[in-house]
Amino acid sequence: MRTTTLLIKGMVCDRCTYVLEGEMVAMGFEVLEIRLGQVVINDIENVQKKMDKLKNMLQSNGFGLIYDKRQRMVNRIKELVEEGINLQVESGTPTKFTKLISDTFHKNYDSLSALFSSVEKITLEKYIIHRKIEKVKELLIYTDMSLTQIAYAMGYSSQAYLSNQLKKYTGLTSSHFKLLKQQLLPSVRAVI
């Protein structure tokens, strides 16, 4: 069996993998494995025949194919950030992103950060903060964790610091997300 591994940019969460897998199957691809930034499919010939449609589908869903080495490295850094954030929430132990990223690539963190900035046009540090804030929003809306618990799980020094960062990056307070959660509860209960 011949397989093809496609490297995909723009995949940042489990919903991305779900959407992409559904789209790929709908296009007639046999998806063997899918994870953030990567899809393994059967039959390389099918890929070549459907490349234009594949590119259009990816673009319409906010994704894209990765071709060059620099973009592949940046994509792997993004995967590591997601893995680090998820591990942080599960274990309650702060992730040292500088160590995680530099140890994975066996390269100096500063050079990897510079590479990331040159490709993504945002610093790696700001990207990590942005992803952490997205995770905080998710936890506020979809879990029963308090802001204090989330601050601890996400490695923030205090609830106040997290609260300030949430306001700075979203323009909204944690109360807004708690209210949103209350608005979503009736619709979720109706489904159940």
N, C-alpha and C. Protein backbone atom coordinates (compact mmCIF):
# COMPACT_ATOMS: atom_id res chain seq x y z
N MET A 1 0.84 -1.18 0.00
CA MET A 1 0.00 0.00 0.00
C MET A 1 0.89 1.24 0.00
N ARG A 2 0.63 2.12 -0.92
CA ARG A 2 1.37 3.38 -0.99
C ARG A 2 0.59 4.45 -0.25
N THR A 3 1.30 5.17 0.59
CA THR A 3 0.65 6.23 1.34
C THR A 3 1.32 7.57 1.04
N THR A 4 0.58 8.62 1.30
CA THR A 4 1.09 9.97 1.14
C THR A 4 0.84 10.72 2.44
N THR A 5 1.87 11.42 2.90
CA THR A 5 1.73 12.26 4.07
C THR A 5 1.67 13.71 3.61
N LEU A 6 0.57 14.35 3.92
CA LEU A 6 0.40 15.76 3.58
C LEU A 6 0.61 16.58 4.85
N LEU A 7 1.43 17.60 4.75
CA LEU A 7 1.64 18.51 5.87
C LEU A 7 0.73 19.71 5.66
N ILE A 8 -0.07 19.99 6.69
CA ILE A 8 -1.12 20.99 6.57
C ILE A 8 -0.89 22.12 7.57
N LYS A 9 -0.92 23.36 7.08
CA LYS A 9 -0.80 24.49 8.02
C LYS A 9 -2.20 24.98 8.37
N GLY A 10 -2.29 25.56 9.56
CA GLY A 10 -3.56 26.13 10.00
C GLY A 10 -4.37 25.22 10.90
N MET A 11 -3.89 24.01 11.15
CA MET A 11 -4.60 23.09 12.05
C MET A 11 -4.15 23.39 13.48
N VAL A 12 -5.09 23.85 14.31
CA VAL A 12 -4.70 24.25 15.66
C VAL A 12 -5.50 23.57 16.76
N CYS A 13 -6.49 22.77 16.41
CA CYS A 13 -7.30 22.14 17.46
C CYS A 13 -7.91 20.84 16.94
N ASP A 14 -8.55 20.13 17.85
CA ASP A 14 -9.18 18.86 17.48
C ASP A 14 -10.30 19.04 16.47
N ARG A 15 -10.98 20.18 16.54
CA ARG A 15 -12.04 20.43 15.56
C ARG A 15 -11.48 20.53 14.15
N CYS A 16 -10.26 21.06 14.05
CA CYS A 16 -9.61 21.15 12.74
C CYS A 16 -9.41 19.75 12.15
N THR A 17 -8.96 18.82 12.99
CA THR A 17 -8.75 17.45 12.49
C THR A 17 -10.07 16.83 12.09
N TYR A 18 -11.12 17.08 12.86
CA TYR A 18 -12.44 16.54 12.56
C TYR A 18 -12.96 17.08 11.22
N VAL A 19 -12.87 18.39 11.04
CA VAL A 19 -13.35 19.03 9.81
C VAL A 19 -12.55 18.53 8.61
N LEU A 20 -11.23 18.52 8.75
CA LEU A 20 -10.39 18.11 7.63
C LEU A 20 -10.61 16.65 7.26
N GLU A 21 -10.74 15.79 8.25
CA GLU A 21 -10.98 14.38 7.95
C GLU A 21 -12.29 14.20 7.20
N GLY A 22 -13.34 14.89 7.64
CA GLY A 22 -14.63 14.81 6.95
C GLY A 22 -14.54 15.28 5.52
N GLU A 23 -13.85 16.38 5.30
CA GLU A 23 -13.69 16.93 3.94
C GLU A 23 -12.88 15.98 3.05
N MET A 24 -11.82 15.41 3.62
CA MET A 24 -10.96 14.50 2.83
C MET A 24 -11.74 13.24 2.44
N VAL A 25 -12.50 12.69 3.37
CA VAL A 25 -13.30 11.49 3.08
C VAL A 25 -14.36 11.83 2.03
N ALA A 26 -14.99 12.99 2.16
CA ALA A 26 -16.00 13.41 1.19
C ALA A 26 -15.41 13.56 -0.22
N MET A 27 -14.12 13.88 -0.30
CA MET A 27 -13.46 14.00 -1.60
C MET A 27 -13.01 12.64 -2.14
N GLY A 28 -13.18 11.59 -1.35
CA GLY A 28 -12.83 10.25 -1.82
C GLY A 28 -11.48 9.75 -1.35
N PHE A 29 -10.84 10.44 -0.42
CA PHE A 29 -9.55 9.99 0.10
C PHE A 29 -9.77 9.02 1.25
N GLU A 30 -8.89 8.03 1.35
CA GLU A 30 -8.89 7.12 2.48
C GLU A 30 -7.89 7.66 3.50
N VAL A 31 -8.40 8.23 4.58
CA VAL A 31 -7.56 8.82 5.61
C VAL A 31 -7.12 7.72 6.56
N LEU A 32 -5.80 7.49 6.61
CA LEU A 32 -5.25 6.45 7.48
C LEU A 32 -4.91 6.98 8.86
N GLU A 33 -4.46 8.23 8.91
CA GLU A 33 -4.09 8.85 10.18
C GLU A 33 -4.22 10.36 10.02
N ILE A 34 -4.66 11.00 11.09
CA ILE A 34 -4.74 12.45 11.06
C ILE A 34 -4.39 12.98 12.45
N ARG A 35 -3.58 14.02 12.45
CA ARG A 35 -3.25 14.73 13.68
C ARG A 35 -2.94 16.16 13.29
N LEU A 36 -2.75 17.01 14.30
CA LEU A 36 -2.50 18.41 14.00
C LEU A 36 -1.34 18.56 13.03
N GLY A 37 -1.61 19.19 11.91
CA GLY A 37 -0.56 19.48 10.94
C GLY A 37 -0.22 18.37 9.98
N GLN A 38 -0.90 17.24 10.07
CA GLN A 38 -0.50 16.11 9.23
C GLN A 38 -1.67 15.18 8.93
N VAL A 39 -1.77 14.76 7.67
CA VAL A 39 -2.76 13.77 7.25
C VAL A 39 -2.04 12.71 6.44
N VAL A 40 -2.25 11.45 6.79
CA VAL A 40 -1.69 10.33 6.03
C VAL A 40 -2.84 9.69 5.29
N ILE A 41 -2.70 9.62 3.96
CA ILE A 41 -3.76 9.04 3.15
C ILE A 41 -3.20 7.93 2.28
N ASN A 42 -4.09 7.07 1.82
CA ASN A 42 -3.74 5.98 0.92
C ASN A 42 -3.83 6.50 -0.51
N ASP A 43 -2.98 5.99 -1.38
CA ASP A 43 -3.08 6.24 -2.82
C ASP A 43 -2.58 7.62 -3.25
N ILE A 44 -1.31 7.67 -3.58
CA ILE A 44 -0.68 8.91 -4.02
C ILE A 44 -1.24 9.40 -5.36
N GLU A 45 -1.68 8.47 -6.22
CA GLU A 45 -2.19 8.87 -7.53
C GLU A 45 -3.46 9.71 -7.40
N ASN A 46 -4.31 9.34 -6.45
CA ASN A 46 -5.54 10.09 -6.21
C ASN A 46 -5.23 11.53 -5.80
N VAL A 47 -4.16 11.70 -5.03
CA VAL A 47 -3.76 13.04 -4.59
C VAL A 47 -3.37 13.89 -5.79
N GLN A 48 -2.56 13.33 -6.67
CA GLN A 48 -2.10 14.09 -7.83
C GLN A 48 -3.26 14.51 -8.73
N LYS A 49 -4.23 13.61 -8.93
CA LYS A 49 -5.38 13.92 -9.78
C LYS A 49 -6.27 15.01 -9.18
N LYS A 50 -6.35 15.03 -7.86
CA LYS A 50 -7.27 15.95 -7.19
C LYS A 50 -6.57 17.12 -6.50
N MET A 51 -5.34 17.41 -6.89
CA MET A 51 -4.55 18.42 -6.19
C MET A 51 -5.21 19.80 -6.18
N ASP A 52 -5.76 20.24 -7.31
CA ASP A 52 -6.40 21.56 -7.35
C ASP A 52 -7.61 21.62 -6.43
N LYS A 53 -8.44 20.57 -6.48
CA LYS A 53 -9.62 20.53 -5.60
C LYS A 53 -9.19 20.46 -4.14
N LEU A 54 -8.12 19.71 -3.87
CA LEU A 54 -7.61 19.59 -2.51
C LEU A 54 -7.14 20.94 -1.98
N LYS A 55 -6.38 21.66 -2.80
CA LYS A 55 -5.90 22.99 -2.40
C LYS A 55 -7.07 23.95 -2.14
N ASN A 56 -8.08 23.92 -3.01
CA ASN A 56 -9.25 24.78 -2.83
C ASN A 56 -10.01 24.44 -1.55
N MET A 57 -10.17 23.14 -1.28
CA MET A 57 -10.86 22.71 -0.07
C MET A 57 -10.10 23.17 1.17
N LEU A 58 -8.78 22.98 1.14
CA LEU A 58 -7.96 23.40 2.28
C LEU A 58 -8.09 24.90 2.51
N GLN A 59 -7.97 25.66 1.43
CA GLN A 59 -8.04 27.12 1.54
C GLN A 59 -9.41 27.57 2.05
N SER A 60 -10.47 26.96 1.57
CA SER A 60 -11.82 27.37 2.00
C SER A 60 -12.07 27.07 3.47
N ASN A 61 -11.29 26.15 4.04
CA ASN A 61 -11.41 25.82 5.46
C ASN A 61 -10.33 26.46 6.32
N GLY A 62 -9.54 27.35 5.72
CA GLY A 62 -8.52 28.07 6.48
C GLY A 62 -7.21 27.31 6.65
N PHE A 63 -6.99 26.29 5.82
CA PHE A 63 -5.77 25.50 5.89
C PHE A 63 -4.94 25.72 4.62
N GLY A 64 -3.79 25.10 4.57
CA GLY A 64 -2.96 25.15 3.38
C GLY A 64 -1.93 24.04 3.42
N LEU A 65 -1.41 23.69 2.26
CA LEU A 65 -0.34 22.69 2.19
C LEU A 65 0.99 23.32 2.55
N ILE A 66 1.83 22.56 3.20
CA ILE A 66 3.17 23.02 3.56
C ILE A 66 4.16 22.36 2.61
N TYR A 67 5.00 23.18 2.00
CA TYR A 67 5.95 22.66 1.04
C TYR A 67 7.40 22.76 1.50
N ASP A 68 7.77 23.85 2.14
CA ASP A 68 9.19 24.05 2.42
C ASP A 68 9.57 23.66 3.85
N LYS A 69 10.87 23.48 4.05
CA LYS A 69 11.41 23.02 5.33
C LYS A 69 11.13 24.01 6.46
N ARG A 70 11.26 25.29 6.18
CA ARG A 70 11.03 26.30 7.22
C ARG A 70 9.58 26.24 7.70
N GLN A 71 8.65 26.13 6.78
CA GLN A 71 7.24 26.05 7.15
C GLN A 71 6.95 24.76 7.93
N ARG A 72 7.61 23.67 7.55
CA ARG A 72 7.44 22.41 8.29
C ARG A 72 7.92 22.56 9.73
N MET A 73 9.05 23.24 9.91
CA MET A 73 9.57 23.46 11.27
C MET A 73 8.61 24.32 12.08
N VAL A 74 8.09 25.36 11.48
CA VAL A 74 7.15 26.24 12.16
C VAL A 74 5.89 25.46 12.53
N ASN A 75 5.43 24.62 11.63
CA ASN A 75 4.25 23.81 11.91
C ASN A 75 4.50 22.87 13.09
N ARG A 76 5.69 22.29 13.14
CA ARG A 76 6.04 21.40 14.25
C ARG A 76 6.12 22.19 15.56
N ILE A 77 6.62 23.41 15.50
CA ILE A 77 6.65 24.26 16.69
C ILE A 77 5.23 24.51 17.19
N LYS A 78 4.31 24.78 16.27
CA LYS A 78 2.92 24.99 16.64
C LYS A 78 2.33 23.74 17.30
N GLU A 79 2.65 22.58 16.75
CA GLU A 79 2.20 21.32 17.36
C GLU A 79 2.73 21.19 18.78
N LEU A 80 4.00 21.53 18.96
CA LEU A 80 4.61 21.44 20.30
C LEU A 80 3.93 22.39 21.28
N VAL A 81 3.58 23.57 20.81
CA VAL A 81 2.88 24.53 21.67
C VAL A 81 1.54 23.94 22.12
N GLU A 82 0.79 23.36 21.18
CA GLU A 82 -0.50 22.75 21.53
C GLU A 82 -0.31 21.59 22.50
N GLU A 83 0.68 20.74 22.22
CA GLU A 83 0.96 19.61 23.11
C GLU A 83 1.34 20.10 24.50
N GLY A 84 2.17 21.14 24.55
CA GLY A 84 2.60 21.70 25.83
C GLY A 84 1.45 22.28 26.62
N ILE A 85 0.56 22.98 25.95
CA ILE A 85 -0.60 23.56 26.63
C ILE A 85 -1.51 22.46 27.16
N ASN A 86 -1.77 21.45 26.35
CA ASN A 86 -2.63 20.35 26.79
C ASN A 86 -2.01 19.59 27.95
N LEU A 87 -0.71 19.35 27.88
CA LEU A 87 -0.01 18.67 28.97
C LEU A 87 -0.08 19.50 30.24
N GLN A 88 0.07 20.79 30.09
CA GLN A 88 0.01 21.72 31.22
C GLN A 88 -1.33 21.63 31.92
N VAL A 89 -2.42 21.61 31.15
CA VAL A 89 -3.76 21.54 31.73
C VAL A 89 -3.97 20.19 32.42
N GLU A 90 -3.52 19.11 31.77
CA GLU A 90 -3.71 17.77 32.33
C GLU A 90 -2.91 17.56 33.61
N SER A 91 -1.68 18.05 33.62
CA SER A 91 -0.79 17.76 34.75
C SER A 91 -0.78 18.87 35.81
N GLY A 92 -1.15 20.08 35.42
CA GLY A 92 -1.08 21.21 36.34
C GLY A 92 0.34 21.73 36.52
N THR A 93 1.27 21.19 35.74
CA THR A 93 2.66 21.61 35.81
C THR A 93 2.96 22.54 34.64
N PRO A 94 3.47 23.73 34.91
CA PRO A 94 3.76 24.67 33.81
C PRO A 94 4.75 24.08 32.80
N THR A 95 4.47 24.28 31.54
CA THR A 95 5.36 23.83 30.47
C THR A 95 6.41 24.91 30.22
N LYS A 96 7.65 24.51 30.16
CA LYS A 96 8.73 25.42 29.79
C LYS A 96 8.89 25.31 28.27
N PHE A 97 8.21 26.20 27.58
CA PHE A 97 8.16 26.12 26.13
C PHE A 97 9.54 26.29 25.50
N THR A 98 10.38 27.14 26.07
CA THR A 98 11.72 27.33 25.50
C THR A 98 12.49 26.01 25.52
N LYS A 99 12.41 25.29 26.61
CA LYS A 99 13.11 24.01 26.73
C LYS A 99 12.48 22.95 25.83
N LEU A 100 11.16 22.86 25.85
CA LEU A 100 10.46 21.88 25.03
C LEU A 100 10.81 22.03 23.56
N ILE A 101 10.76 23.26 23.07
CA ILE A 101 11.00 23.51 21.65
C ILE A 101 12.46 23.32 21.29
N SER A 102 13.37 23.89 22.07
CA SER A 102 14.80 23.77 21.74
C SER A 102 15.28 22.32 21.88
N ASP A 103 14.79 21.59 22.89
CA ASP A 103 15.19 20.19 23.05
C ASP A 103 14.67 19.32 21.90
N THR A 104 13.47 19.60 21.43
CA THR A 104 12.90 18.81 20.33
C THR A 104 13.71 18.96 19.05
N PHE A 105 14.13 20.19 18.75
CA PHE A 105 14.86 20.45 17.52
C PHE A 105 16.38 20.38 17.69
N HIS A 106 16.83 20.29 18.95
CA HIS A 106 18.27 20.31 19.24
C HIS A 106 18.92 21.56 18.65
N LYS A 107 18.21 22.67 18.82
CA LYS A 107 18.69 23.96 18.31
C LYS A 107 18.44 25.03 19.37
N ASN A 108 19.13 26.13 19.21
CA ASN A 108 18.98 27.27 20.10
C ASN A 108 17.57 27.84 19.97
N TYR A 109 16.94 28.11 21.10
CA TYR A 109 15.57 28.63 21.10
C TYR A 109 15.47 29.96 20.36
N ASP A 110 16.46 30.82 20.53
CA ASP A 110 16.41 32.14 19.89
C ASP A 110 16.36 32.02 18.37
N SER A 111 17.13 31.08 17.81
CA SER A 111 17.11 30.92 16.35
C SER A 111 15.77 30.34 15.89
N LEU A 112 15.19 29.44 16.67
CA LEU A 112 13.88 28.89 16.32
C LEU A 112 12.79 29.95 16.44
N SER A 113 12.91 30.80 17.45
CA SER A 113 11.96 31.89 17.63
C SER A 113 12.06 32.89 16.48
N ALA A 114 13.28 33.17 16.04
CA ALA A 114 13.48 34.07 14.90
C ALA A 114 12.89 33.47 13.62
N LEU A 115 13.10 32.17 13.42
CA LEU A 115 12.53 31.48 12.27
C LEU A 115 11.01 31.59 12.31
N PHE A 116 10.43 31.30 13.46
CA PHE A 116 8.98 31.37 13.63
C PHE A 116 8.47 32.77 13.27
N SER A 117 9.12 33.79 13.79
CA SER A 117 8.70 35.17 13.54
C SER A 117 8.81 35.54 12.07
N SER A 118 9.86 35.06 11.40
CA SER A 118 10.03 35.41 9.99
C SER A 118 8.97 34.75 9.11
N VAL A 119 8.53 33.56 9.48
CA VAL A 119 7.52 32.85 8.68
C VAL A 119 6.11 33.31 9.03
N GLU A 120 5.81 33.46 10.32
CA GLU A 120 4.45 33.73 10.77
C GLU A 120 4.13 35.22 10.96
N LYS A 121 5.14 36.07 10.97
CA LYS A 121 4.96 37.52 11.17
C LYS A 121 4.36 37.83 12.55
N ILE A 122 4.65 36.99 13.52
CA ILE A 122 4.27 37.19 14.92
C ILE A 122 5.34 36.49 15.74
N THR A 123 5.67 37.06 16.88
CA THR A 123 6.71 36.41 17.68
C THR A 123 6.17 35.11 18.26
N LEU A 124 7.07 34.19 18.52
CA LEU A 124 6.68 32.91 19.10
C LEU A 124 6.06 33.13 20.48
N GLU A 125 6.59 34.06 21.22
CA GLU A 125 6.07 34.34 22.56
C GLU A 125 4.62 34.81 22.49
N LYS A 126 4.32 35.70 21.54
CA LYS A 126 2.94 36.17 21.38
C LYS A 126 2.03 35.05 20.90
N TYR A 127 2.56 34.19 20.04
CA TYR A 127 1.77 33.05 19.56
C TYR A 127 1.40 32.14 20.73
N ILE A 128 2.37 31.86 21.60
CA ILE A 128 2.12 31.00 22.76
C ILE A 128 1.06 31.64 23.66
N ILE A 129 1.18 32.93 23.90
CA ILE A 129 0.18 33.63 24.72
C ILE A 129 -1.20 33.52 24.07
N HIS A 130 -1.26 33.76 22.77
CA HIS A 130 -2.53 33.69 22.05
C HIS A 130 -3.16 32.30 22.19
N ARG A 131 -2.36 31.26 22.02
CA ARG A 131 -2.88 29.89 22.12
C ARG A 131 -3.32 29.57 23.55
N LYS A 132 -2.56 30.08 24.53
CA LYS A 132 -2.95 29.85 25.93
C LYS A 132 -4.27 30.55 26.23
N ILE A 133 -4.44 31.76 25.72
CA ILE A 133 -5.69 32.50 25.94
C ILE A 133 -6.86 31.76 25.28
N GLU A 134 -6.64 31.20 24.10
CA GLU A 134 -7.70 30.42 23.44
C GLU A 134 -8.09 29.22 24.30
N LYS A 135 -7.10 28.58 24.90
CA LYS A 135 -7.37 27.44 25.78
C LYS A 135 -8.12 27.89 27.03
N VAL A 136 -7.75 29.03 27.57
CA VAL A 136 -8.44 29.58 28.75
C VAL A 136 -9.91 29.83 28.41
N LYS A 137 -10.17 30.43 27.25
CA LYS A 137 -11.55 30.68 26.83
C LYS A 137 -12.33 29.36 26.74
N GLU A 138 -11.70 28.37 26.15
CA GLU A 138 -12.33 27.05 26.02
C GLU A 138 -12.65 26.46 27.40
N LEU A 139 -11.70 26.55 28.32
CA LEU A 139 -11.91 26.00 29.66
C LEU A 139 -13.00 26.76 30.42
N LEU A 140 -13.05 28.07 30.24
CA LEU A 140 -14.09 28.87 30.90
C LEU A 140 -15.49 28.50 30.40
N ILE A 141 -15.60 28.26 29.12
CA ILE A 141 -16.91 28.00 28.52
C ILE A 141 -17.34 26.54 28.67
N TYR A 142 -16.41 25.61 28.49
CA TYR A 142 -16.80 24.21 28.40
C TYR A 142 -16.48 23.35 29.62
N THR A 143 -15.92 23.94 30.67
CA THR A 143 -15.66 23.16 31.88
C THR A 143 -16.23 23.88 33.09
N ASP A 144 -16.18 23.22 34.21
CA ASP A 144 -16.63 23.83 35.46
C ASP A 144 -15.47 24.40 36.26
N MET A 145 -14.31 24.52 35.64
CA MET A 145 -13.15 25.05 36.35
C MET A 145 -13.34 26.54 36.63
N SER A 146 -12.89 26.95 37.82
CA SER A 146 -12.93 28.38 38.17
C SER A 146 -11.73 29.07 37.51
N LEU A 147 -11.75 30.39 37.49
CA LEU A 147 -10.63 31.14 36.92
C LEU A 147 -9.35 30.87 37.70
N THR A 148 -9.47 30.70 39.00
CA THR A 148 -8.30 30.39 39.83
C THR A 148 -7.72 29.03 39.44
N GLN A 149 -8.58 28.03 39.25
CA GLN A 149 -8.12 26.70 38.85
C GLN A 149 -7.47 26.75 37.46
N ILE A 150 -8.07 27.50 36.57
CA ILE A 150 -7.53 27.62 35.21
C ILE A 150 -6.18 28.32 35.26
N ALA A 151 -6.08 29.38 36.04
CA ALA A 151 -4.80 30.10 36.16
C ALA A 151 -3.71 29.16 36.64
N TYR A 152 -4.02 28.35 37.64
CA TYR A 152 -3.05 27.39 38.17
C TYR A 152 -2.69 26.34 37.10
N ALA A 153 -3.72 25.78 36.46
CA ALA A 153 -3.50 24.73 35.45
C ALA A 153 -2.70 25.24 34.26
N MET A 154 -2.88 26.51 33.92
CA MET A 154 -2.21 27.07 32.75
C MET A 154 -0.85 27.69 33.08
N GLY A 155 -0.45 27.63 34.35
CA GLY A 155 0.87 28.11 34.72
C GLY A 155 0.98 29.61 34.94
N TYR A 156 -0.15 30.28 35.12
CA TYR A 156 -0.12 31.72 35.42
C TYR A 156 0.22 31.92 36.89
N SER A 157 0.88 33.01 37.20
CA SER A 157 1.30 33.28 38.57
C SER A 157 0.13 33.61 39.49
N SER A 158 -0.95 34.13 38.91
CA SER A 158 -2.12 34.45 39.74
C SER A 158 -3.35 34.58 38.86
N GLN A 159 -4.49 34.54 39.51
CA GLN A 159 -5.75 34.74 38.82
C GLN A 159 -5.81 36.15 38.23
N ALA A 160 -5.30 37.12 38.98
CA ALA A 160 -5.32 38.51 38.53
C ALA A 160 -4.51 38.68 37.24
N TYR A 161 -3.34 38.04 37.18
CA TYR A 161 -2.51 38.14 35.98
C TYR A 161 -3.23 37.54 34.77
N LEU A 162 -3.84 36.37 34.97
CA LEU A 162 -4.60 35.75 33.88
C LEU A 162 -5.76 36.65 33.47
N SER A 163 -6.45 37.20 34.43
CA SER A 163 -7.58 38.07 34.16
C SER A 163 -7.16 39.28 33.32
N ASN A 164 -6.05 39.88 33.70
CA ASN A 164 -5.53 41.03 32.94
C ASN A 164 -5.12 40.64 31.53
N GLN A 165 -4.48 39.48 31.39
CA GLN A 165 -4.06 39.05 30.06
C GLN A 165 -5.26 38.71 29.19
N LEU A 166 -6.27 38.08 29.77
CA LEU A 166 -7.49 37.76 29.04
C LEU A 166 -8.14 39.04 28.51
N LYS A 167 -8.22 40.05 29.36
CA LYS A 167 -8.81 41.34 28.97
C LYS A 167 -7.96 42.02 27.89
N LYS A 168 -6.64 41.96 28.04
CA LYS A 168 -5.73 42.60 27.09
C LYS A 168 -5.85 41.97 25.69
N TYR A 169 -5.92 40.65 25.62
CA TYR A 169 -5.90 39.98 24.33
C TYR A 169 -7.27 39.78 23.70
N THR A 170 -8.33 39.77 24.50
CA THR A 170 -9.66 39.56 23.92
C THR A 170 -10.55 40.79 24.03
N GLY A 171 -10.18 41.69 24.94
CA GLY A 171 -11.03 42.84 25.19
C GLY A 171 -12.24 42.49 26.06
N LEU A 172 -12.27 41.25 26.55
CA LEU A 172 -13.40 40.77 27.34
C LEU A 172 -12.92 40.24 28.69
N THR A 173 -13.81 40.24 29.65
CA THR A 173 -13.46 39.72 30.98
C THR A 173 -13.88 38.26 31.09
N SER A 174 -13.40 37.61 32.13
CA SER A 174 -13.79 36.21 32.36
C SER A 174 -15.29 36.10 32.60
N SER A 175 -15.89 37.14 33.16
CA SER A 175 -17.34 37.15 33.39
C SER A 175 -18.11 36.99 32.08
N HIS A 176 -17.59 37.59 31.01
CA HIS A 176 -18.23 37.47 29.70
C HIS A 176 -18.29 36.00 29.27
N PHE A 177 -17.20 35.28 29.46
CA PHE A 177 -17.16 33.88 29.04
C PHE A 177 -18.03 33.00 29.94
N LYS A 178 -18.12 33.35 31.21
CA LYS A 178 -19.01 32.62 32.12
C LYS A 178 -20.47 32.85 31.72
N LEU A 179 -20.79 34.08 31.32
CA LEU A 179 -22.13 34.39 30.85
C LEU A 179 -22.43 33.62 29.56
N LEU A 180 -21.47 33.57 28.68
CA LEU A 180 -21.61 32.82 27.44
C LEU A 180 -21.88 31.35 27.75
N LYS A 181 -21.19 30.83 28.74
CA LYS A 181 -21.40 29.44 29.16
C LYS A 181 -22.85 29.24 29.61
N GLN A 182 -23.37 30.18 30.39
CA GLN A 182 -24.75 30.08 30.87
C GLN A 182 -25.74 30.12 29.70
N GLN A 183 -25.42 30.90 28.68
CA GLN A 183 -26.30 30.98 27.51
C GLN A 183 -26.26 29.70 26.70
N LEU A 184 -25.11 29.02 26.70
CA LEU A 184 -24.97 27.78 25.94
C LEU A 184 -25.59 26.58 26.65
N LEU A 185 -25.66 26.61 27.97
CA LEU A 185 -26.17 25.47 28.73
C LEU A 185 -27.56 25.01 28.30
N PRO A 186 -28.55 25.90 28.14
CA PRO A 186 -29.87 25.42 27.73
C PRO A 186 -29.86 24.70 26.38
N SER A 187 -29.07 25.19 25.43
CA SER A 187 -29.03 24.54 24.12
C SER A 187 -28.33 23.19 24.20
N VAL A 188 -27.33 23.07 25.06
CA VAL A 188 -26.65 21.79 25.23
C VAL A 188 -27.58 20.79 25.91
N ARG A 189 -28.30 21.24 26.93
CA ARG A 189 -29.24 20.35 27.62
C ARG A 189 -30.35 19.89 26.69
N ALA A 190 -30.77 20.73 25.75
CA ALA A 190 -31.82 20.36 24.80
C ALA A 190 -31.35 19.22 23.89
N VAL A 191 -30.07 19.20 23.57
CA VAL A 191 -29.51 18.15 22.72
C VAL A 191 -29.46 16.83 23.48
N ILE A 192 -29.14 16.93 24.77
CA ILE A 192 -29.02 15.73 25.60
C ILE A 192 -30.40 15.21 25.87
